[in-house]
Amino acid sequence: MKKVPKLSQLKLSILLPVRNEGINIRLMLKILEVILEIPHEVLIIYDNQKDETIPVIKKMRNKYPNIKPILNTYGKGVINAIKAGVDFATGKYILILAVDDVGPTLAIEDMVDLMDQGCEFISCTRYKFGGRRLGGSIVEAAVSKFGNSLFSFISGSSFSDSTTGFKMFQKDIFNKISLESKPIGWAVVFEMAVKAQAAGFKLGEVPIISVDRLYGGKSSFRLSPWFKEYFRWFVWGFFHLLGKRSKLKIKIPATTII
């Protein structure tokens, strides 16, 4: 069993928004403990006390003392879970992960490496430098890939995959982003990617292999409401990023095949 690092040693806080993820949380916690050697904590954020993830967390806390269940008191949705997680985070860097997708965990060390090189905000990519997206809804995947390509072309966005849920950032820049998304799906991560560029933060991008819903659970994807909220930030990004393309630091793992 790993020792819980002292607060002065803590480098990374991992935020895991959950909603009845009892099956997926077991797998995610096991993988994180195996692959991560840097001092870290895992904040599991839930919306209500009846969430089926909670009993699983309680059973695993003796084995993984660095996990912390956090009740989200801001309101439902990923955006509010992120706000609640940041409030309790003690790490220098903060990572947002989707609990149902374990593939991107292999990129965490590369993301931290870029942060150590001076990046302030990093977005992973499923669509460039060998990144891939597997599984999940065919419609959702097609809309995501086309939307990201179109957004980069029209707005001049530096990121090739602004909508991926895997983001890492320095904790001290969070309040400068000023999140405004409605609690619809993961639209907030698109907002973060757009506003991080508009604010002139030092950016990074790392390829990932994303395997959606590898084991259990059900996607909350709904085309109509998701489209409206994502389109909102598409338009915002067009007007705020045009002509402001930022330089990216790219970290391509040695095992990546391009």
C-alpha atoms as a PDB file:
ATOM      1  CA  MET A   1       0.000   0.000   0.000  1.00  0.00           C
ATOM      2  CA  LYS A   2       1.364   3.393  -1.011  1.00  0.00           C
ATOM      3  CA  LYS A   3       1.821   6.058   1.629  1.00  0.00           C
ATOM      4  CA  VAL A   4      -0.233   9.218   1.353  1.00  0.00           C
ATOM      5  CA  PRO A   5       2.169  12.022   0.341  1.00  0.00           C
ATOM      6  CA  LYS A   6       2.519  15.098   2.512  1.00  0.00           C
ATOM      7  CA  LEU A   7       0.749  18.173   1.164  1.00  0.00           C
ATOM      8  CA  SER A   8       4.091  19.864   0.499  1.00  0.00           C
ATOM      9  CA  GLN A   9       5.044  16.931  -1.736  1.00  0.00           C
ATOM     10  CA  LEU A  10       1.782  16.710  -3.673  1.00  0.00           C
ATOM     11  CA  LYS A  11       2.134  17.418  -7.365  1.00  0.00           C
ATOM     12  CA  LEU A  12      -1.074  16.205  -8.977  1.00  0.00           C
ATOM     13  CA  SER A  13      -4.771  16.238  -8.107  1.00  0.00           C
ATOM     14  CA  ILE A  14      -6.957  14.024 -10.296  1.00  0.00           C
ATOM     15  CA  LEU A  15     -10.642  14.947 -10.559  1.00  0.00           C
ATOM     16  CA  LEU A  16     -13.083  12.128 -11.346  1.00  0.00           C
ATOM     17  CA  PRO A  17     -16.706  13.283 -11.722  1.00  0.00           C
ATOM     18  CA  VAL A  18     -18.949  10.253 -11.195  1.00  0.00           C
ATOM     19  CA  ARG A  19     -22.583   9.271 -11.480  1.00  0.00           C
ATOM     20  CA  ASN A  20     -23.271   5.671 -10.500  1.00  0.00           C
ATOM     21  CA  GLU A  21     -19.858   4.457 -11.643  1.00  0.00           C
ATOM     22  CA  GLY A  22     -19.363   1.627  -9.156  1.00  0.00           C
ATOM     23  CA  ILE A  23     -17.943  -0.718 -11.786  1.00  0.00           C
ATOM     24  CA  ASN A  24     -15.710   1.741 -13.618  1.00  0.00           C
ATOM     25  CA  ILE A  25     -14.245   3.347 -10.493  1.00  0.00           C
ATOM     26  CA  ARG A  26     -12.705   0.046  -9.387  1.00  0.00           C
ATOM     27  CA  LEU A  27     -10.826  -0.340 -12.654  1.00  0.00           C
ATOM     28  CA  MET A  28      -9.757   3.303 -12.834  1.00  0.00           C
ATOM     29  CA  LEU A  29      -8.316   3.377  -9.305  1.00  0.00           C
ATOM     30  CA  LYS A  30      -6.365   0.174  -9.863  1.00  0.00           C
ATOM     31  CA  ILE A  31      -4.865   1.481 -13.095  1.00  0.00           C
ATOM     32  CA  LEU A  32      -3.933   4.869 -11.616  1.00  0.00           C
ATOM     33  CA  GLU A  33      -2.089   3.221  -8.726  1.00  0.00           C
ATOM     34  CA  VAL A  34      -0.140   1.008 -11.109  1.00  0.00           C
ATOM     35  CA  ILE A  35       0.954   3.598 -13.655  1.00  0.00           C
ATOM     36  CA  LEU A  36       1.542   6.713 -11.527  1.00  0.00           C
ATOM     37  CA  GLU A  37       4.749   7.162  -9.570  1.00  0.00           C
ATOM     38  CA  ILE A  38       4.415  10.890  -8.876  1.00  0.00           C
ATOM     39  CA  PRO A  39       2.707  12.031  -5.637  1.00  0.00           C
ATOM     40  CA  HIS A  40      -0.994  12.418  -6.345  1.00  0.00           C
ATOM     41  CA  GLU A  41      -4.492  12.394  -4.914  1.00  0.00           C
ATOM     42  CA  VAL A  42      -7.722  11.216  -6.522  1.00  0.00           C
ATOM     43  CA  LEU A  43     -10.812  13.317  -5.819  1.00  0.00           C
ATOM     44  CA  ILE A  44     -14.026  11.449  -6.652  1.00  0.00           C
ATOM     45  CA  ILE A  45     -16.842  13.962  -6.991  1.00  0.00           C
ATOM     46  CA  TYR A  46     -20.467  12.858  -6.720  1.00  0.00           C
ATOM     47  CA  ASP A  47     -23.769  14.790  -6.757  1.00  0.00           C
ATOM     48  CA  ASN A  48     -25.822  12.956  -4.129  1.00  0.00           C
ATOM     49  CA  GLN A  49     -25.382  10.609  -1.196  1.00  0.00           C
ATOM     50  CA  LYS A  50     -27.291   7.795  -2.927  1.00  0.00           C
ATOM     51  CA  ASP A  51     -24.774   7.463  -5.747  1.00  0.00           C
ATOM     52  CA  GLU A  52     -23.827   3.796  -6.127  1.00  0.00           C
ATOM     53  CA  THR A  53     -20.155   4.783  -6.452  1.00  0.00           C
ATOM     54  CA  ILE A  54     -19.933   5.720  -2.764  1.00  0.00           C
ATOM     55  CA  PRO A  55     -20.056   2.197  -1.217  1.00  0.00           C
ATOM     56  CA  VAL A  56     -17.329   1.072  -3.611  1.00  0.00           C
ATOM     57  CA  ILE A  57     -15.122   4.023  -2.634  1.00  0.00           C
ATOM     58  CA  LYS A  58     -15.558   3.273   1.063  1.00  0.00           C
ATOM     59  CA  LYS A  59     -14.452  -0.324   0.554  1.00  0.00           C
ATOM     60  CA  MET A  60     -11.355   0.741  -1.389  1.00  0.00           C
ATOM     61  CA  ARG A  61     -10.111   3.561   0.865  1.00  0.00           C
ATOM     62  CA  ASN A  62      -8.072   1.236   3.070  1.00  0.00           C
ATOM     63  CA  LYS A  63      -6.169   0.019   0.022  1.00  0.00           C
ATOM     64  CA  TYR A  64      -5.951   3.455  -1.651  1.00  0.00           C
ATOM     65  CA  PRO A  65      -5.647   6.083   1.119  1.00  0.00           C
ATOM     66  CA  ASN A  66      -5.018   8.874  -1.393  1.00  0.00           C
ATOM     67  CA  ILE A  67      -8.619   8.792  -2.701  1.00  0.00           C
ATOM     68  CA  LYS A  68     -11.078  11.364  -1.368  1.00  0.00           C
ATOM     69  CA  PRO A  69     -14.847  11.323  -1.945  1.00  0.00           C
ATOM     70  CA  ILE A  70     -16.157  14.871  -2.479  1.00  0.00           C
ATOM     71  CA  LEU A  71     -19.838  15.896  -2.369  1.00  0.00           C
ATOM     72  CA  ASN A  72     -20.584  18.418  -5.103  1.00  0.00           C
ATOM     73  CA  THR A  73     -22.616  21.227  -3.506  1.00  0.00           C
ATOM     74  CA  TYR A  74     -22.531  23.590  -6.493  1.00  0.00           C
ATOM     75  CA  GLY A  75     -25.214  21.752  -8.462  1.00  0.00           C
ATOM     76  CA  LYS A  76     -25.422  18.853 -10.902  1.00  0.00           C
ATOM     77  CA  GLY A  77     -23.189  18.433 -13.925  1.00  0.00           C
ATOM     78  CA  VAL A  78     -19.531  18.113 -14.856  1.00  0.00           C
ATOM     79  CA  ILE A  79     -18.906  21.860 -14.646  1.00  0.00           C
ATOM     80  CA  ASN A  80     -19.986  21.945 -11.000  1.00  0.00           C
ATOM     81  CA  ALA A  81     -18.092  18.751 -10.199  1.00  0.00           C
ATOM     82  CA  ILE A  82     -14.931  20.391 -11.524  1.00  0.00           C
ATOM     83  CA  LYS A  83     -15.521  23.497  -9.381  1.00  0.00           C
ATOM     84  CA  ALA A  84     -16.058  21.349  -6.289  1.00  0.00           C
ATOM     85  CA  GLY A  85     -12.968  19.285  -7.042  1.00  0.00           C
ATOM     86  CA  VAL A  86     -10.731  22.320  -7.517  1.00  0.00           C
ATOM     87  CA  ASP A  87     -11.922  23.682  -4.157  1.00  0.00           C
ATOM     88  CA  PHE A  88     -10.567  20.595  -2.377  1.00  0.00           C
ATOM     89  CA  ALA A  89      -7.542  19.944  -4.591  1.00  0.00           C
ATOM     90  CA  THR A  90      -4.113  20.354  -2.990  1.00  0.00           C
ATOM     91  CA  GLY A  91      -1.948  19.507  -6.016  1.00  0.00           C
ATOM     92  CA  LYS A  92       0.063  21.978  -8.068  1.00  0.00           C
ATOM     93  CA  TYR A  93      -1.414  20.495 -11.238  1.00  0.00           C
ATOM     94  CA  ILE A  94      -5.022  19.432 -11.732  1.00  0.00           C
ATOM     95  CA  LEU A  95      -6.127  16.701 -14.138  1.00  0.00           C
ATOM     96  CA  ILE A  96      -9.697  16.110 -15.300  1.00  0.00           C
ATOM     97  CA  LEU A  97     -10.459  12.483 -16.187  1.00  0.00           C
ATOM     98  CA  ALA A  98     -13.576  10.651 -17.339  1.00  0.00           C
ATOM     99  CA  VAL A  99     -13.942   7.569 -15.156  1.00  0.00           C
ATOM    100  CA  ASP A 100     -15.312   5.432 -18.006  1.00  0.00           C
ATOM    101  CA  ASP A 101     -12.225   5.843 -20.212  1.00  0.00           C
ATOM    102  CA  VAL A 102      -8.992   4.303 -18.910  1.00  0.00           C
ATOM    103  CA  GLY A 103      -6.943   4.588 -22.117  1.00  0.00           C
ATOM    104  CA  PRO A 104      -5.803   8.205 -21.603  1.00  0.00           C
ATOM    105  CA  THR A 105      -4.282   7.394 -18.211  1.00  0.00           C
ATOM    106  CA  LEU A 106      -1.181   6.255 -20.115  1.00  0.00           C
ATOM    107  CA  ALA A 107      -0.618   9.882 -21.168  1.00  0.00           C
ATOM    108  CA  ILE A 108      -0.602  11.363 -17.654  1.00  0.00           C
ATOM    109  CA  GLU A 109       3.166  11.230 -17.193  1.00  0.00           C
ATOM    110  CA  ASP A 110       3.652  12.958 -20.567  1.00  0.00           C
ATOM    111  CA  MET A 111       1.196  15.671 -19.564  1.00  0.00           C
ATOM    112  CA  VAL A 112       3.023  16.244 -16.285  1.00  0.00           C
ATOM    113  CA  ASP A 113       6.295  16.431 -18.184  1.00  0.00           C
ATOM    114  CA  LEU A 114       4.911  19.243 -20.352  1.00  0.00           C
ATOM    115  CA  MET A 115       3.618  21.044 -17.278  1.00  0.00           C
ATOM    116  CA  ASP A 116       7.102  20.843 -15.760  1.00  0.00           C
ATOM    117  CA  GLN A 117       8.395  22.430 -18.973  1.00  0.00           C
ATOM    118  CA  GLY A 118       6.246  25.495 -18.376  1.00  0.00           C
ATOM    119  CA  CYS A 119       2.829  24.690 -19.837  1.00  0.00           C
ATOM    120  CA  GLU A 120      -0.152  26.117 -17.998  1.00  0.00           C
ATOM    121  CA  PHE A 121      -2.945  24.264 -19.805  1.00  0.00           C
ATOM    122  CA  ILE A 122      -2.850  20.952 -21.700  1.00  0.00           C
ATOM    123  CA  SER A 123      -5.521  19.285 -23.821  1.00  0.00           C
ATOM    124  CA  CYS A 124      -5.181  15.723 -25.081  1.00  0.00           C
ATOM    125  CA  THR A 125      -6.006  14.808 -28.660  1.00  0.00           C
ATOM    126  CA  ARG A 126      -7.727  11.811 -30.210  1.00  0.00           C
ATOM    127  CA  TYR A 127      -7.309  13.100 -33.746  1.00  0.00           C
ATOM    128  CA  LYS A 128      -3.637  13.924 -34.309  1.00  0.00           C
ATOM    129  CA  PHE A 129      -0.074  12.687 -33.640  1.00  0.00           C
ATOM    130  CA  GLY A 130      -1.264   9.073 -33.470  1.00  0.00           C
ATOM    131  CA  GLY A 131      -4.200   9.720 -31.143  1.00  0.00           C
ATOM    132  CA  ARG A 132      -7.266   7.537 -31.675  1.00  0.00           C
ATOM    133  CA  ARG A 133     -10.863   7.204 -30.547  1.00  0.00           C
ATOM    134  CA  LEU A 134     -12.377   3.741 -30.173  1.00  0.00           C
ATOM    135  CA  GLY A 135     -15.803   2.520 -29.099  1.00  0.00           C
ATOM    136  CA  GLY A 136     -18.813   4.555 -28.034  1.00  0.00           C
ATOM    137  CA  SER A 137     -21.565   6.051 -30.191  1.00  0.00           C
ATOM    138  CA  ILE A 138     -20.779   6.255 -33.912  1.00  0.00           C
ATOM    139  CA  VAL A 139     -22.854   9.434 -34.203  1.00  0.00           C
ATOM    140  CA  GLU A 140     -21.106  11.073 -31.247  1.00  0.00           C
ATOM    141  CA  ALA A 141     -17.677  10.138 -32.628  1.00  0.00           C
ATOM    142  CA  ALA A 142     -18.470  11.477 -36.103  1.00  0.00           C
ATOM    143  CA  VAL A 143     -19.872  14.762 -34.770  1.00  0.00           C
ATOM    144  CA  SER A 144     -16.872  15.189 -32.471  1.00  0.00           C
ATOM    145  CA  LYS A 145     -14.232  14.609 -35.134  1.00  0.00           C
ATOM    146  CA  PHE A 146     -15.915  16.766 -37.754  1.00  0.00           C
ATOM    147  CA  GLY A 147     -16.712  19.518 -35.239  1.00  0.00           C
ATOM    148  CA  ASN A 148     -13.137  19.714 -33.960  1.00  0.00           C
ATOM    149  CA  SER A 149     -11.683  19.809 -37.476  1.00  0.00           C
ATOM    150  CA  LEU A 150     -14.107  22.518 -38.548  1.00  0.00           C
ATOM    151  CA  PHE A 151     -13.516  24.550 -35.399  1.00  0.00           C
ATOM    152  CA  SER A 152      -9.728  24.457 -35.821  1.00  0.00           C
ATOM    153  CA  PHE A 153     -10.021  25.438 -39.481  1.00  0.00           C
ATOM    154  CA  ILE A 154     -12.489  28.292 -38.993  1.00  0.00           C
ATOM    155  CA  SER A 155     -11.297  29.797 -35.696  1.00  0.00           C
ATOM    156  CA  GLY A 156      -7.592  29.026 -35.961  1.00  0.00           C
ATOM    157  CA  SER A 157      -7.694  27.050 -32.710  1.00  0.00           C
ATOM    158  CA  SER A 158      -4.310  25.603 -31.801  1.00  0.00           C
ATOM    159  CA  PHE A 159      -5.864  22.440 -30.362  1.00  0.00           C
ATOM    160  CA  SER A 160      -6.767  19.603 -32.708  1.00  0.00           C
ATOM    161  CA  ASP A 161      -9.230  18.185 -30.157  1.00  0.00           C
ATOM    162  CA  SER A 162     -10.731  20.927 -28.010  1.00  0.00           C
ATOM    163  CA  THR A 163     -13.657  18.811 -26.795  1.00  0.00           C
ATOM    164  CA  THR A 164     -11.800  15.900 -25.209  1.00  0.00           C
ATOM    165  CA  GLY A 165     -12.516  15.580 -21.492  1.00  0.00           C
ATOM    166  CA  PHE A 166      -8.850  15.067 -20.613  1.00  0.00           C
ATOM    167  CA  LYS A 167      -7.366  18.363 -19.520  1.00  0.00           C
ATOM    168  CA  MET A 168      -4.532  19.315 -17.187  1.00  0.00           C
ATOM    169  CA  PHE A 169      -3.865  22.795 -15.854  1.00  0.00           C
ATOM    170  CA  GLN A 170      -2.037  24.682 -13.144  1.00  0.00           C
ATOM    171  CA  LYS A 171      -4.363  25.181 -10.198  1.00  0.00           C
ATOM    172  CA  ASP A 172      -3.571  28.864  -9.886  1.00  0.00           C
ATOM    173  CA  ILE A 173      -4.989  29.681 -13.348  1.00  0.00           C
ATOM    174  CA  PHE A 174      -8.411  28.117 -12.771  1.00  0.00           C
ATOM    175  CA  ASN A 175     -10.165  31.232 -11.507  1.00  0.00           C
ATOM    176  CA  LYS A 176      -8.873  33.192 -14.499  1.00  0.00           C
ATOM    177  CA  ILE A 177     -10.929  31.009 -16.861  1.00  0.00           C
ATOM    178  CA  SER A 178     -14.316  31.927 -15.319  1.00  0.00           C
ATOM    179  CA  LEU A 179     -16.492  28.995 -16.395  1.00  0.00           C
ATOM    180  CA  GLU A 180     -20.019  29.729 -17.653  1.00  0.00           C
ATOM    181  CA  SER A 181     -21.213  26.529 -19.366  1.00  0.00           C
ATOM    182  CA  LYS A 182     -24.604  25.038 -18.659  1.00  0.00           C
ATOM    183  CA  PRO A 183     -24.409  21.627 -16.927  1.00  0.00           C
ATOM    184  CA  ILE A 184     -24.880  19.721 -20.191  1.00  0.00           C
ATOM    185  CA  GLY A 185     -22.554  16.798 -20.803  1.00  0.00           C
ATOM    186  CA  TRP A 186     -18.869  17.711 -21.021  1.00  0.00           C
ATOM    187  CA  ALA A 187     -19.333  21.027 -22.845  1.00  0.00           C
ATOM    188  CA  VAL A 188     -17.368  22.748 -20.081  1.00  0.00           C
ATOM    189  CA  VAL A 189     -14.090  21.205 -21.298  1.00  0.00           C
ATOM    190  CA  PHE A 190     -14.650  22.793 -24.713  1.00  0.00           C
ATOM    191  CA  GLU A 191     -15.193  26.126 -22.972  1.00  0.00           C
ATOM    192  CA  MET A 192     -11.965  25.634 -21.008  1.00  0.00           C
ATOM    193  CA  ALA A 193      -9.951  24.882 -24.148  1.00  0.00           C
ATOM    194  CA  VAL A 194     -11.287  27.966 -25.908  1.00  0.00           C
ATOM    195  CA  LYS A 195     -10.842  30.336 -22.983  1.00  0.00           C
ATOM    196  CA  ALA A 196      -7.341  29.042 -22.161  1.00  0.00           C
ATOM    197  CA  GLN A 197      -6.285  30.041 -25.670  1.00  0.00           C
ATOM    198  CA  ALA A 198      -8.073  33.396 -25.519  1.00  0.00           C
ATOM    199  CA  ALA A 199      -6.335  34.147 -22.204  1.00  0.00           C
ATOM    200  CA  GLY A 200      -2.916  33.510 -23.735  1.00  0.00           C
ATOM    201  CA  PHE A 201      -1.901  30.626 -21.466  1.00  0.00           C
ATOM    202  CA  LYS A 202       1.091  28.486 -22.390  1.00  0.00           C
ATOM    203  CA  LEU A 203      -0.446  25.446 -24.065  1.00  0.00           C
ATOM    204  CA  GLY A 204       0.409  21.803 -24.635  1.00  0.00           C
ATOM    205  CA  GLU A 205      -1.124  18.832 -26.462  1.00  0.00           C
ATOM    206  CA  VAL A 206      -0.608  15.095 -25.946  1.00  0.00           C
ATOM    207  CA  PRO A 207      -2.070  12.271 -28.092  1.00  0.00           C
ATOM    208  CA  ILE A 208      -4.215   9.621 -26.402  1.00  0.00           C
ATOM    209  CA  ILE A 209      -6.008   6.420 -27.303  1.00  0.00           C
ATOM    210  CA  SER A 210      -9.532   6.828 -25.991  1.00  0.00           C
ATOM    211  CA  VAL A 211     -11.742   3.772 -25.478  1.00  0.00           C
ATOM    212  CA  ASP A 212     -15.210   5.005 -24.550  1.00  0.00           C
ATOM    213  CA  ARG A 213     -17.192   2.909 -22.078  1.00  0.00           C
ATOM    214  CA  LEU A 214     -14.760   0.002 -22.074  1.00  0.00           C
ATOM    215  CA  TYR A 215     -16.517  -1.649 -19.149  1.00  0.00           C
ATOM    216  CA  GLY A 216     -20.036  -0.887 -17.946  1.00  0.00           C
ATOM    217  CA  GLY A 217     -22.218   2.199 -17.639  1.00  0.00           C
ATOM    218  CA  LYS A 218     -24.247   4.217 -20.102  1.00  0.00           C
ATOM    219  CA  SER A 219     -23.365   7.379 -22.015  1.00  0.00           C
ATOM    220  CA  SER A 220     -25.388  10.526 -21.284  1.00  0.00           C
ATOM    221  CA  PHE A 221     -24.915  11.815 -24.841  1.00  0.00           C
ATOM    222  CA  ARG A 222     -27.998  13.556 -26.277  1.00  0.00           C
ATOM    223  CA  LEU A 223     -27.484  15.176 -29.671  1.00  0.00           C
ATOM    224  CA  SER A 224     -29.864  18.166 -29.482  1.00  0.00           C
ATOM    225  CA  PRO A 225     -28.990  19.714 -26.081  1.00  0.00           C
ATOM    226  CA  TRP A 226     -25.299  18.878 -26.470  1.00  0.00           C
ATOM    227  CA  PHE A 227     -25.182  20.464 -29.931  1.00  0.00           C
ATOM    228  CA  LYS A 228     -26.689  23.737 -28.671  1.00  0.00           C
ATOM    229  CA  GLU A 229     -24.190  24.125 -25.847  1.00  0.00           C
ATOM    230  CA  TYR A 230     -21.177  23.096 -27.893  1.00  0.00           C
ATOM    231  CA  PHE A 231     -22.265  25.415 -30.713  1.00  0.00           C
ATOM    232  CA  ARG A 232     -22.366  28.251 -28.193  1.00  0.00           C
ATOM    233  CA  TRP A 233     -18.633  27.848 -27.499  1.00  0.00           C
ATOM    234  CA  PHE A 234     -17.929  27.197 -31.169  1.00  0.00           C
ATOM    235  CA  VAL A 235     -19.259  30.672 -31.970  1.00  0.00           C
ATOM    236  CA  TRP A 236     -17.539  32.237 -28.930  1.00  0.00           C
ATOM    237  CA  GLY A 237     -14.262  30.699 -29.981  1.00  0.00           C
ATOM    238  CA  PHE A 238     -14.626  31.912 -33.558  1.00  0.00           C
ATOM    239  CA  PHE A 239     -14.898  35.543 -32.451  1.00  0.00           C
ATOM    240  CA  HIS A 240     -12.241  35.366 -29.725  1.00  0.00           C
ATOM    241  CA  LEU A 241      -9.571  33.165 -31.312  1.00  0.00           C
ATOM    242  CA  LEU A 242      -9.544  34.336 -34.911  1.00  0.00           C
ATOM    243  CA  GLY A 243      -6.012  35.472 -35.703  1.00  0.00           C
ATOM    244  CA  LYS A 244      -4.696  34.481 -32.256  1.00  0.00           C
ATOM    245  CA  ARG A 245      -3.210  31.045 -32.926  1.00  0.00           C
ATOM    246  CA  SER A 246      -1.025  30.076 -29.955  1.00  0.00           C
ATOM    247  CA  LYS A 247       2.144  28.021 -29.999  1.00  0.00           C
ATOM    248  CA  LEU A 248       1.796  24.491 -28.651  1.00  0.00           C
ATOM    249  CA  LYS A 249       4.289  22.281 -26.898  1.00  0.00           C
ATOM    250  CA  ILE A 250       3.672  18.774 -28.206  1.00  0.00           C
ATOM    251  CA  LYS A 251       4.575  15.625 -26.301  1.00  0.00           C
ATOM    252  CA  ILE A 252       4.442  12.495 -28.457  1.00  0.00           C
ATOM    253  CA  PRO A 253       5.123   9.266 -26.512  1.00  0.00           C
ATOM    254  CA  ALA A 254       7.957   7.144 -27.886  1.00  0.00           C
ATOM    255  CA  THR A 255       5.510   4.272 -28.433  1.00  0.00           C
ATOM    256  CA  THR A 256       3.148   6.342 -30.578  1.00  0.00           C
ATOM    257  CA  ILE A 257       2.803   5.232 -34.189  1.00  0.00           C
ATOM    258  CA  ILE A 258       2.009   8.155 -36.507  1.00  0.00           C
END
